[in-house]
Amino acid sequence: SHSVKSMRPGGTIVIAGATSGDAPKAAELTRIFFQQMRV
């Protein structure tokens, strides 16, 4: 959630691991599509 909220519109999250687990409580999907972010 912090990663998504820290990124500018149109930015990119690059993910290569999930040492704390791969099921976040909040996927932040609305923020991702509305701000046209890339995962």
Full PDB file with SEQRES, HELIX, SHEET, SSBOND, CRYST1, ORIGX, SCALE, CONECT and MASTER records, all heavy atoms in Angstrom:
SEQRES   1 A   39  SER HIS SER VAL LYS SER MET ARG PRO GLY GLY THR ILE          
SEQRES   2 A   39  VAL ILE ALA GLY ALA THR SER GLY ASP ALA PRO LYS ALA          
SEQRES   3 A   39  ALA GLU LEU THR ARG ILE PHE PHE GLN GLN MET ARG VAL          
HELIX    1 AA1 HIS A    2  LYS A    5  1                                   4    
HELIX    2 AA2 LEU A   29  PHE A   34  1                                   6    
CRYST1    1.000    1.000    1.000  90.00  90.00  90.00 P 1           1          
ORIGX1      1.000000  0.000000  0.000000        0.00000                         
ORIGX2      0.000000  1.000000  0.000000        0.00000                         
ORIGX3      0.000000  0.000000  1.000000        0.00000                         
SCALE1      1.000000  0.000000  0.000000        0.00000                         
SCALE2      0.000000  1.000000  0.000000        0.00000                         
SCALE3      0.000000  0.000000  1.000000        0.00000                         
ATOM      1  N   SER A   1       0.834  -1.201   0.000  1.00  0.00           N  
ATOM      2  CA  SER A   1       0.000   0.000   0.000  1.00  0.00           C  
ATOM      3  C   SER A   1       0.871   1.254   0.000  1.00  0.00           C  
ATOM      4  O   SER A   1       0.597   2.222  -0.719  1.00  0.00           O  
ATOM      5  CB  SER A   1      -0.930   0.004   1.215  1.00  0.00           C  
ATOM      6  OG  SER A   1      -1.769   1.141   1.200  1.00  0.00           O  
ATOM      7  N   HIS A   2       1.932   1.245   0.783  1.00  0.00           N  
ATOM      8  CA  HIS A   2       2.846   2.389   0.821  1.00  0.00           C  
ATOM      9  C   HIS A   2       3.521   2.599  -0.527  1.00  0.00           C  
ATOM     10  O   HIS A   2       3.701   3.734  -0.981  1.00  0.00           O  
ATOM     11  CB  HIS A   2       3.899   2.171   1.906  1.00  0.00           C  
ATOM     12  CG  HIS A   2       4.878   3.283   2.046  1.00  0.00           C  
ATOM     13  ND1 HIS A   2       6.206   3.156   1.710  1.00  0.00           N  
ATOM     14  CD2 HIS A   2       4.728   4.564   2.474  1.00  0.00           C  
ATOM     15  CE1 HIS A   2       6.832   4.297   1.948  1.00  0.00           C  
ATOM     16  NE2 HIS A   2       5.966   5.167   2.409  1.00  0.00           N  
ATOM     17  N   SER A   3       3.865   1.515  -1.197  1.00  0.00           N  
ATOM     18  CA  SER A   3       4.494   1.629  -2.514  1.00  0.00           C  
ATOM     19  C   SER A   3       3.563   2.324  -3.501  1.00  0.00           C  
ATOM     20  O   SER A   3       3.969   3.234  -4.231  1.00  0.00           O  
ATOM     21  CB  SER A   3       4.867   0.236  -3.043  1.00  0.00           C  
ATOM     22  OG  SER A   3       5.916  -0.336  -2.288  1.00  0.00           O  
ATOM     23  N   VAL A   4       2.311   1.895  -3.525  1.00  0.00           N  
ATOM     24  CA  VAL A   4       1.352   2.484  -4.464  1.00  0.00           C  
ATOM     25  C   VAL A   4       1.114   3.958  -4.138  1.00  0.00           C  
ATOM     26  O   VAL A   4       1.092   4.818  -5.034  1.00  0.00           O  
ATOM     27  CB  VAL A   4       0.028   1.699  -4.435  1.00  0.00           C  
ATOM     28  CG1 VAL A   4      -1.012   2.368  -5.338  1.00  0.00           C  
ATOM     29  CG2 VAL A   4       0.251   0.250  -4.884  1.00  0.00           C  
ATOM     30  N   LYS A   5       0.942   4.274  -2.868  1.00  0.00           N  
ATOM     31  CA  LYS A   5       0.655   5.648  -2.461  1.00  0.00           C  
ATOM     32  C   LYS A   5       1.847   6.583  -2.642  1.00  0.00           C  
ATOM     33  O   LYS A   5       1.671   7.807  -2.691  1.00  0.00           O  
ATOM     34  CB  LYS A   5       0.198   5.666  -1.005  1.00  0.00           C  
ATOM     35  CG  LYS A   5      -1.157   5.017  -0.785  1.00  0.00           C  
ATOM     36  CD  LYS A   5      -1.502   4.928   0.687  1.00  0.00           C  
ATOM     37  CE  LYS A   5      -2.851   4.259   0.887  1.00  0.00           C  
ATOM     38  NZ  LYS A   5      -3.175   4.084   2.329  1.00  0.00           N  
ATOM     39  N   SER A   6       3.044   6.030  -2.745  1.00  0.00           N  
ATOM     40  CA  SER A   6       4.252   6.854  -2.874  1.00  0.00           C  
ATOM     41  C   SER A   6       4.597   7.200  -4.312  1.00  0.00           C  
ATOM     42  O   SER A   6       5.549   7.946  -4.558  1.00  0.00           O  
ATOM     43  CB  SER A   6       5.443   6.127  -2.237  1.00  0.00           C  
ATOM     44  OG  SER A   6       5.233   5.907  -0.862  1.00  0.00           O  
ATOM     45  N   MET A   7       3.835   6.667  -5.254  1.00  0.00           N  
ATOM     46  CA  MET A   7       4.213   6.780  -6.664  1.00  0.00           C  
ATOM     47  C   MET A   7       3.381   7.840  -7.389  1.00  0.00           C  
ATOM     48  O   MET A   7       2.199   8.006  -7.133  1.00  0.00           O  
ATOM     49  CB  MET A   7       4.046   5.420  -7.339  1.00  0.00           C  
ATOM     50  CG  MET A   7       4.797   5.277  -8.642  1.00  0.00           C  
ATOM     51  SD  MET A   7       4.963   3.528  -9.079  1.00  0.00           S  
ATOM     52  CE  MET A   7       3.255   3.006  -9.091  1.00  0.00           C  
ATOM     53  N   ARG A   8       4.023   8.525  -8.313  1.00  0.00           N  
ATOM     54  CA  ARG A   8       3.337   9.530  -9.120  1.00  0.00           C  
ATOM     55  C   ARG A   8       2.389   8.852 -10.105  1.00  0.00           C  
ATOM     56  O   ARG A   8       2.557   7.670 -10.423  1.00  0.00           O  
ATOM     57  CB  ARG A   8       4.352  10.371  -9.896  1.00  0.00           C  
ATOM     58  CG  ARG A   8       5.114   9.583 -10.957  1.00  0.00           C  
ATOM     59  CD  ARG A   8       5.777  10.489 -11.966  1.00  0.00           C  
ATOM     60  NE  ARG A   8       6.578   9.749 -12.937  1.00  0.00           N  
ATOM     61  CZ  ARG A   8       6.091   9.117 -14.003  1.00  0.00           C  
ATOM     62  NH1 ARG A   8       4.782   9.114 -14.238  1.00  0.00           N  
ATOM     63  NH2 ARG A   8       6.897   8.482 -14.842  1.00  0.00           N  
ATOM     64  N   PRO A   9       1.415   9.595 -10.625  1.00  0.00           N  
ATOM     65  CA  PRO A   9       0.576   9.036 -11.690  1.00  0.00           C  
ATOM     66  C   PRO A   9       1.432   8.595 -12.878  1.00  0.00           C  
ATOM     67  O   PRO A   9       2.368   9.297 -13.272  1.00  0.00           O  
ATOM     68  CB  PRO A   9      -0.338  10.206 -12.063  1.00  0.00           C  
ATOM     69  CG  PRO A   9      -0.401  11.033 -10.827  1.00  0.00           C  
ATOM     70  CD  PRO A   9       0.962  10.932 -10.202  1.00  0.00           C  
ATOM     71  N   GLY A  10       1.122   7.428 -13.415  1.00  0.00           N  
ATOM     72  CA  GLY A  10       1.877   6.908 -14.546  1.00  0.00           C  
ATOM     73  C   GLY A  10       3.162   6.221 -14.179  1.00  0.00           C  
ATOM     74  O   GLY A  10       3.902   5.761 -15.056  1.00  0.00           O  
ATOM     75  N   GLY A  11       3.461   6.107 -12.888  1.00  0.00           N  
ATOM     76  CA  GLY A  11       4.696   5.464 -12.454  1.00  0.00           C  
ATOM     77  C   GLY A  11       4.624   3.948 -12.537  1.00  0.00           C  
ATOM     78  O   GLY A  11       3.597   3.365 -12.899  1.00  0.00           O  
ATOM     79  N   THR A  12       5.738   3.307 -12.170  1.00  0.00           N  
ATOM     80  CA  THR A  12       5.854   1.852 -12.304  1.00  0.00           C  
ATOM     81  C   THR A  12       6.348   1.226 -11.007  1.00  0.00           C  
ATOM     82  O   THR A  12       7.352   1.666 -10.447  1.00  0.00           O  
ATOM     83  CB  THR A  12       6.840   1.479 -13.430  1.00  0.00           C  
ATOM     84  OG1 THR A  12       6.391   2.046 -14.660  1.00  0.00           O  
ATOM     85  CG2 THR A  12       6.943  -0.028 -13.592  1.00  0.00           C  
ATOM     86  N   ILE A  13       5.615   0.232 -10.537  1.00  0.00           N  
ATOM     87  CA  ILE A  13       6.116  -0.628  -9.462  1.00  0.00           C  
ATOM     88  C   ILE A  13       6.710  -1.864 -10.113  1.00  0.00           C  
ATOM     89  O   ILE A  13       6.034  -2.538 -10.897  1.00  0.00           O  
ATOM     90  CB  ILE A  13       5.000  -1.048  -8.499  1.00  0.00           C  
ATOM     91  CG1 ILE A  13       4.427   0.152  -7.761  1.00  0.00           C  
ATOM     92  CG2 ILE A  13       5.534  -2.078  -7.489  1.00  0.00           C  
ATOM     93  CD1 ILE A  13       3.277  -0.201  -6.827  1.00  0.00           C  
ATOM     94  N   VAL A  14       7.959  -2.144  -9.797  1.00  0.00           N  
ATOM     95  CA  VAL A  14       8.590  -3.378 -10.267  1.00  0.00           C  
ATOM     96  C   VAL A  14       8.707  -4.296  -9.066  1.00  0.00           C  
ATOM     97  O   VAL A  14       9.315  -3.950  -8.063  1.00  0.00           O  
ATOM     98  CB  VAL A  14       9.976  -3.112 -10.887  1.00  0.00           C  
ATOM     99  CG1 VAL A  14      10.529  -4.400 -11.487  1.00  0.00           C  
ATOM    100  CG2 VAL A  14       9.903  -2.016 -11.942  1.00  0.00           C  
ATOM    101  N   ILE A  15       8.108  -5.485  -9.181  1.00  0.00           N  
ATOM    102  CA  ILE A  15       8.071  -6.402  -8.047  1.00  0.00           C  
ATOM    103  C   ILE A  15       8.797  -7.698  -8.397  1.00  0.00           C  
ATOM    104  O   ILE A  15       8.571  -8.288  -9.450  1.00  0.00           O  
ATOM    105  CB  ILE A  15       6.617  -6.678  -7.588  1.00  0.00           C  
ATOM    106  CG1 ILE A  15       6.601  -7.630  -6.397  1.00  0.00           C  
ATOM    107  CG2 ILE A  15       5.745  -7.175  -8.733  1.00  0.00           C  
ATOM    108  CD1 ILE A  15       5.277  -7.730  -5.693  1.00  0.00           C  
ATOM    109  N   ALA A  16       9.698  -8.095  -7.503  1.00  0.00           N  
ATOM    110  CA  ALA A  16      10.481  -9.313  -7.737  1.00  0.00           C  
ATOM    111  C   ALA A  16      10.515 -10.201  -6.503  1.00  0.00           C  
ATOM    112  O   ALA A  16      11.361 -11.084  -6.400  1.00  0.00           O  
ATOM    113  CB  ALA A  16      11.900  -8.952  -8.158  1.00  0.00           C  
ATOM    114  N   GLY A  17       9.606  -9.955  -5.568  1.00  0.00           N  
ATOM    115  CA  GLY A  17       9.594 -10.780  -4.375  1.00  0.00           C  
ATOM    116  C   GLY A  17       8.507 -10.333  -3.429  1.00  0.00           C  
ATOM    117  O   GLY A  17       7.945  -9.238  -3.583  1.00  0.00           O  
ATOM    118  N   ALA A  18       8.226 -11.166  -2.451  1.00  0.00           N  
ATOM    119  CA  ALA A  18       7.192 -10.860  -1.467  1.00  0.00           C  
ATOM    120  C   ALA A  18       7.558 -11.557  -0.162  1.00  0.00           C  
ATOM    121  O   ALA A  18       6.883 -12.473   0.283  1.00  0.00           O  
ATOM    122  CB  ALA A  18       5.825 -11.304  -1.961  1.00  0.00           C  
ATOM    123  N   THR A  19       8.655 -11.101   0.457  1.00  0.00           N  
ATOM    124  CA  THR A  19       9.166 -11.791   1.634  1.00  0.00           C  
ATOM    125  C   THR A  19       8.210 -11.695   2.826  1.00  0.00           C  
ATOM    126  O   THR A  19       8.283 -12.514   3.741  1.00  0.00           O  
ATOM    127  CB  THR A  19      10.537 -11.224   2.047  1.00  0.00           C  
ATOM    128  OG1 THR A  19      10.428  -9.806   2.247  1.00  0.00           O  
ATOM    129  CG2 THR A  19      11.572 -11.489   0.970  1.00  0.00           C  
ATOM    130  N   SER A  20       7.303 -10.704   2.820  1.00  0.00           N  
ATOM    131  CA  SER A  20       6.335 -10.575   3.914  1.00  0.00           C  
ATOM    132  C   SER A  20       4.979 -11.171   3.552  1.00  0.00           C  
ATOM    133  O   SER A  20       4.010 -11.022   4.296  1.00  0.00           O  
ATOM    134  CB  SER A  20       6.158  -9.099   4.298  1.00  0.00           C  
ATOM    135  OG  SER A  20       5.555  -8.381   3.229  1.00  0.00           O  
ATOM    136  N   GLY A  21       4.896 -11.843   2.410  1.00  0.00           N  
ATOM    137  CA  GLY A  21       3.638 -12.428   1.963  1.00  0.00           C  
ATOM    138  C   GLY A  21       3.135 -11.753   0.698  1.00  0.00           C  
ATOM    139  O   GLY A  21       3.487 -10.610   0.401  1.00  0.00           O  
ATOM    140  N   ASP A  22       2.300 -12.479  -0.068  1.00  0.00           N  
ATOM    141  CA  ASP A  22       1.859 -11.958  -1.361  1.00  0.00           C  
ATOM    142  C   ASP A  22       0.374 -11.596  -1.380  1.00  0.00           C  
ATOM    143  O   ASP A  22      -0.231 -11.486  -2.445  1.00  0.00           O  
ATOM    144  CB  ASP A  22       2.167 -12.951  -2.491  1.00  0.00           C  
ATOM    145  CG  ASP A  22       1.433 -14.278  -2.327  1.00  0.00           C  
ATOM    146  OD1 ASP A  22       0.691 -14.433  -1.341  1.00  0.00           O  
ATOM    147  OD2 ASP A  22       1.612 -15.145  -3.204  1.00  0.00           O  
ATOM    148  N   ALA A  23      -0.208 -11.398  -0.205  1.00  0.00           N  
ATOM    149  CA  ALA A  23      -1.634 -11.051  -0.142  1.00  0.00           C  
ATOM    150  C   ALA A  23      -1.820  -9.796   0.710  1.00  0.00           C  
ATOM    151  O   ALA A  23      -2.191  -9.871   1.887  1.00  0.00           O  
ATOM    152  CB  ALA A  23      -2.441 -12.212   0.435  1.00  0.00           C  
ATOM    153  N   PRO A  24      -1.581  -8.608   0.136  1.00  0.00           N  
ATOM    154  CA  PRO A  24      -1.751  -7.369   0.910  1.00  0.00           C  
ATOM    155  C   PRO A  24      -3.204  -7.159   1.310  1.00  0.00           C  
ATOM    156  O   PRO A  24      -4.126  -7.570   0.612  1.00  0.00           O  
ATOM    157  CB  PRO A  24      -1.279  -6.282  -0.061  1.00  0.00           C  
ATOM    158  CG  PRO A  24      -1.430  -6.879  -1.411  1.00  0.00           C  
ATOM    159  CD  PRO A  24      -1.167  -8.342  -1.251  1.00  0.00           C  
ATOM    160  N   LYS A  25      -3.423  -6.489   2.463  1.00  0.00           N  
ATOM    161  CA  LYS A  25      -4.778  -6.223   2.932  1.00  0.00           C  
ATOM    162  C   LYS A  25      -5.519  -5.319   1.947  1.00  0.00           C  
ATOM    163  O   LYS A  25      -6.723  -5.436   1.760  1.00  0.00           O  
ATOM    164  CB  LYS A  25      -4.734  -5.581   4.318  1.00  0.00           C  
ATOM    165  CG  LYS A  25      -4.251  -6.524   5.411  1.00  0.00           C  
ATOM    166  CD  LYS A  25      -4.257  -5.842   6.758  1.00  0.00           C  
ATOM    167  CE  LYS A  25      -3.781  -6.787   7.854  1.00  0.00           C  
ATOM    168  NZ  LYS A  25      -3.754  -6.129   9.194  1.00  0.00           N  
ATOM    169  N   ALA A  26      -4.784  -4.374   1.353  1.00  0.00           N  
ATOM    170  CA  ALA A  26      -5.392  -3.457   0.386  1.00  0.00           C  
ATOM    171  C   ALA A  26      -4.594  -3.509  -0.905  1.00  0.00           C  
ATOM    172  O   ALA A  26      -3.422  -3.138  -0.931  1.00  0.00           O  
ATOM    173  CB  ALA A  26      -5.413  -2.035   0.935  1.00  0.00           C  
ATOM    174  N   ALA A  27      -5.230  -3.964  -1.976  1.00  0.00           N  
ATOM    175  CA  ALA A  27      -4.528  -4.063  -3.255  1.00  0.00           C  
ATOM    176  C   ALA A  27      -4.386  -2.714  -3.940  1.00  0.00           C  
ATOM    177  O   ALA A  27      -3.582  -2.567  -4.861  1.00  0.00           O  
ATOM    178  CB  ALA A  27      -5.261  -5.034  -4.177  1.00  0.00           C  
ATOM    179  N   GLU A  28      -5.160  -1.723  -3.491  1.00  0.00           N  
ATOM    180  CA  GLU A  28      -5.099  -0.363  -4.058  1.00  0.00           C  
ATOM    181  C   GLU A  28      -5.432  -0.354  -5.547  1.00  0.00           C  
ATOM    182  O   GLU A  28      -4.886   0.449  -6.311  1.00  0.00           O  
ATOM    183  CB  GLU A  28      -3.707   0.259  -3.823  1.00  0.00           C  
ATOM    184  CG  GLU A  28      -3.258   0.306  -2.376  1.00  0.00           C  
ATOM    185  CD  GLU A  28      -3.978   1.359  -1.541  1.00  0.00           C  
ATOM    186  OE1 GLU A  28      -4.732   2.156  -2.117  1.00  0.00           O  
ATOM    187  OE2 GLU A  28      -3.792   1.362  -0.311  1.00  0.00           O  
ATOM    188  N   LEU A  29      -6.352  -1.205  -5.980  1.00  0.00           N  
ATOM    189  CA  LEU A  29      -6.646  -1.308  -7.407  1.00  0.00           C  
ATOM    190  C   LEU A  29      -7.226  -0.015  -7.971  1.00  0.00           C  
ATOM    191  O   LEU A  29      -6.900   0.377  -9.096  1.00  0.00           O  
ATOM    192  CB  LEU A  29      -7.613  -2.474  -7.658  1.00  0.00           C  
ATOM    193  CG  LEU A  29      -7.080  -3.865  -7.326  1.00  0.00           C  
ATOM    194  CD1 LEU A  29      -8.140  -4.922  -7.616  1.00  0.00           C  
ATOM    195  CD2 LEU A  29      -5.805  -4.166  -8.089  1.00  0.00           C  
ATOM    196  N   THR A  30      -8.087   0.656  -7.204  1.00  0.00           N  
ATOM    197  CA  THR A  30      -8.681   1.905  -7.700  1.00  0.00           C  
ATOM    198  C   THR A  30      -7.608   2.946  -7.963  1.00  0.00           C  
ATOM    199  O   THR A  30      -7.605   3.619  -9.005  1.00  0.00           O  
ATOM    200  CB  THR A  30      -9.709   2.441  -6.702  1.00  0.00           C  
ATOM    201  OG1 THR A  30     -10.736   1.468  -6.517  1.00  0.00           O  
ATOM    202  CG2 THR A  30     -10.327   3.740  -7.214  1.00  0.00           C  
ATOM    203  N   ARG A  31      -6.689   3.097  -7.030  1.00  0.00           N  
ATOM    204  CA  ARG A  31      -5.602   4.061  -7.209  1.00  0.00           C  
ATOM    205  C   ARG A  31      -4.736   3.683  -8.413  1.00  0.00           C  
ATOM    206  O   ARG A  31      -4.328   4.536  -9.200  1.00  0.00           O  
ATOM    207  CB  ARG A  31      -4.739   4.119  -5.946  1.00  0.00           C  
ATOM    208  CG  ARG A  31      -3.685   5.235  -5.955  1.00  0.00           C  
ATOM    209  CD  ARG A  31      -2.822   5.166  -4.699  1.00  0.00           C  
ATOM    210  NE  ARG A  31      -3.596   5.382  -3.496  1.00  0.00           N  
ATOM    211  CZ  ARG A  31      -3.750   6.576  -2.913  1.00  0.00           C  
ATOM    212  NH1 ARG A  31      -3.192   7.647  -3.455  1.00  0.00           N  
ATOM    213  NH2 ARG A  31      -4.449   6.674  -1.807  1.00  0.00           N  
ATOM    214  N   ILE A  32      -4.475   2.392  -8.582  1.00  0.00           N  
ATOM    215  CA  ILE A  32      -3.621   1.942  -9.676  1.00  0.00           C  
ATOM    216  C   ILE A  32      -4.247   2.265 -11.031  1.00  0.00           C  
ATOM    217  O   ILE A  32      -3.597   2.834 -11.915  1.00  0.00           O  
ATOM    218  CB  ILE A  32      -3.321   0.437  -9.544  1.00  0.00           C  
ATOM    219  CG1 ILE A  32      -2.361   0.189  -8.379  1.00  0.00           C  
ATOM    220  CG2 ILE A  32      -2.705  -0.112 -10.839  1.00  0.00           C  
ATOM    221  CD1 ILE A  32      -2.164  -1.275  -8.029  1.00  0.00           C  
ATOM    222  N   PHE A  33      -5.542   1.926 -11.211  1.00  0.00           N  
ATOM    223  CA  PHE A  33      -6.120   2.180 -12.537  1.00  0.00           C  
ATOM    224  C   PHE A  33      -6.427   3.651 -12.747  1.00  0.00           C  
ATOM    225  O   PHE A  33      -6.254   4.182 -13.854  1.00  0.00           O  
ATOM    226  CB  PHE A  33      -7.341   1.289 -12.806  1.00  0.00           C  
ATOM    227  CG  PHE A  33      -8.635   1.685 -12.153  1.00  0.00           C  
ATOM    228  CD1 PHE A  33      -9.352   2.806 -12.584  1.00  0.00           C  
ATOM    229  CD2 PHE A  33      -9.180   0.898 -11.150  1.00  0.00           C  
ATOM    230  CE1 PHE A  33     -10.561   3.151 -12.003  1.00  0.00           C  
ATOM    231  CE2 PHE A  33     -10.389   1.240 -10.562  1.00  0.00           C  
ATOM    232  CZ  PHE A  33     -11.084   2.371 -10.988  1.00  0.00           C  
ATOM    233  N   PHE A  34      -6.860   4.377 -11.704  1.00  0.00           N  
ATOM    234  CA  PHE A  34      -7.220   5.776 -11.885  1.00  0.00           C  
ATOM    235  C   PHE A  34      -5.996   6.624 -12.192  1.00  0.00           C  
ATOM    236  O   PHE A  34      -6.067   7.586 -12.982  1.00  0.00           O  
ATOM    237  CB  PHE A  34      -7.946   6.302 -10.639  1.00  0.00           C  
ATOM    238  CG  PHE A  34      -8.535   7.667 -10.810  1.00  0.00           C  
ATOM    239  CD1 PHE A  34      -9.671   7.868 -11.587  1.00  0.00           C  
ATOM    240  CD2 PHE A  34      -7.943   8.776 -10.207  1.00  0.00           C  
ATOM    241  CE1 PHE A  34     -10.215   9.132 -11.755  1.00  0.00           C  
ATOM    242  CE2 PHE A  34      -8.471  10.039 -10.372  1.00  0.00           C  
ATOM    243  CZ  PHE A  34      -9.615  10.223 -11.148  1.00  0.00           C  
ATOM    244  N   GLN A  35      -4.862   6.285 -11.577  1.00  0.00           N  
ATOM    245  CA  GLN A  35      -3.639   7.045 -11.819  1.00  0.00           C  
ATOM    246  C   GLN A  35      -2.745   6.382 -12.868  1.00  0.00           C  
ATOM    247  O   GLN A  35      -1.602   6.791 -13.058  1.00  0.00           O  
ATOM    248  CB  GLN A  35      -2.877   7.240 -10.502  1.00  0.00           C  
ATOM    249  CG  GLN A  35      -3.680   8.059  -9.498  1.00  0.00           C  
ATOM    250  CD  GLN A  35      -2.846   8.579  -8.359  1.00  0.00           C  
ATOM    251  OE1 GLN A  35      -1.612   8.476  -8.353  1.00  0.00           O  
ATOM    252  NE2 GLN A  35      -3.489   9.157  -7.363  1.00  0.00           N  
ATOM    253  N   GLN A  36      -3.296   5.394 -13.550  1.00  0.00           N  
ATOM    254  CA  GLN A  36      -2.632   4.757 -14.687  1.00  0.00           C  
ATOM    255  C   GLN A  36      -1.213   4.291 -14.354  1.00  0.00           C  
ATOM    256  O   GLN A  36      -0.267   4.490 -15.118  1.00  0.00           O  
ATOM    257  CB  GLN A  36      -2.628   5.702 -15.889  1.00  0.00           C  
ATOM    258  CG  GLN A  36      -4.025   6.111 -16.334  1.00  0.00           C  
ATOM    259  CD  GLN A  36      -4.018   6.948 -17.589  1.00  0.00           C  
ATOM    260  OE1 GLN A  36      -3.810   6.422 -18.678  1.00  0.00           O  
ATOM    261  NE2 GLN A  36      -4.228   8.248 -17.417  1.00  0.00           N  
ATOM    262  N   MET A  37      -1.094   3.668 -13.205  1.00  0.00           N  
ATOM    263  CA  MET A  37       0.188   3.108 -12.782  1.00  0.00           C  
ATOM    264  C   MET A  37       0.406   1.756 -13.436  1.00  0.00           C  
ATOM    265  O   MET A  37      -0.530   1.102 -13.880  1.00  0.00           O  
ATOM    266  CB  MET A  37       0.213   2.967 -11.257  1.00  0.00           C  
ATOM    267  CG  MET A  37       0.088   4.288 -10.522  1.00  0.00           C  
ATOM    268  SD  MET A  37      -0.156   4.031  -8.749  1.00  0.00           S  
ATOM    269  CE  MET A  37      -0.056   5.729  -8.154  1.00  0.00           C  
ATOM    270  N   ARG A  38       1.658   1.348 -13.491  1.00  0.00           N  
ATOM    271  CA  ARG A  38       2.007   0.049 -14.051  1.00  0.00           C  
ATOM    272  C   ARG A  38       2.617  -0.833 -12.964  1.00  0.00           C  
ATOM    273  O   ARG A  38       3.396  -0.344 -12.142  1.00  0.00           O  
ATOM    274  CB  ARG A  38       3.005   0.215 -15.209  1.00  0.00           C  
ATOM    275  CG  ARG A  38       2.401   0.805 -16.463  1.00  0.00           C  
ATOM    276  CD  ARG A  38       3.440   0.952 -17.570  1.00  0.00           C  
ATOM    277  NE  ARG A  38       4.389   2.009 -17.246  1.00  0.00           N  
ATOM    278  CZ  ARG A  38       4.181   3.294 -17.537  1.00  0.00           C  
ATOM    279  NH1 ARG A  38       3.075   3.670 -18.136  1.00  0.00           N  
ATOM    280  NH2 ARG A  38       5.078   4.198 -17.228  1.00  0.00           N  
ATOM    281  N   VAL A  39       2.255  -2.094 -12.980  1.00  0.00           N  
ATOM    282  CA  VAL A  39       2.856  -3.087 -12.083  1.00  0.00           C  
ATOM    283  C   VAL A  39       3.584  -4.086 -12.966  1.00  0.00           C  
ATOM    284  O   VAL A  39       2.979  -4.746 -13.808  1.00  0.00           O  
ATOM    285  CB  VAL A  39       1.794  -3.792 -11.228  1.00  0.00           C  
ATOM    286  CG1 VAL A  39       2.452  -4.861 -10.357  1.00  0.00           C  
ATOM    287  CG2 VAL A  39       1.040  -2.779 -10.370  1.00  0.00           C  
TER     288      VAL A  39                                                      
MASTER        0    0    0    2    0    0    0    6  287    1    0    3          
END                                                                             
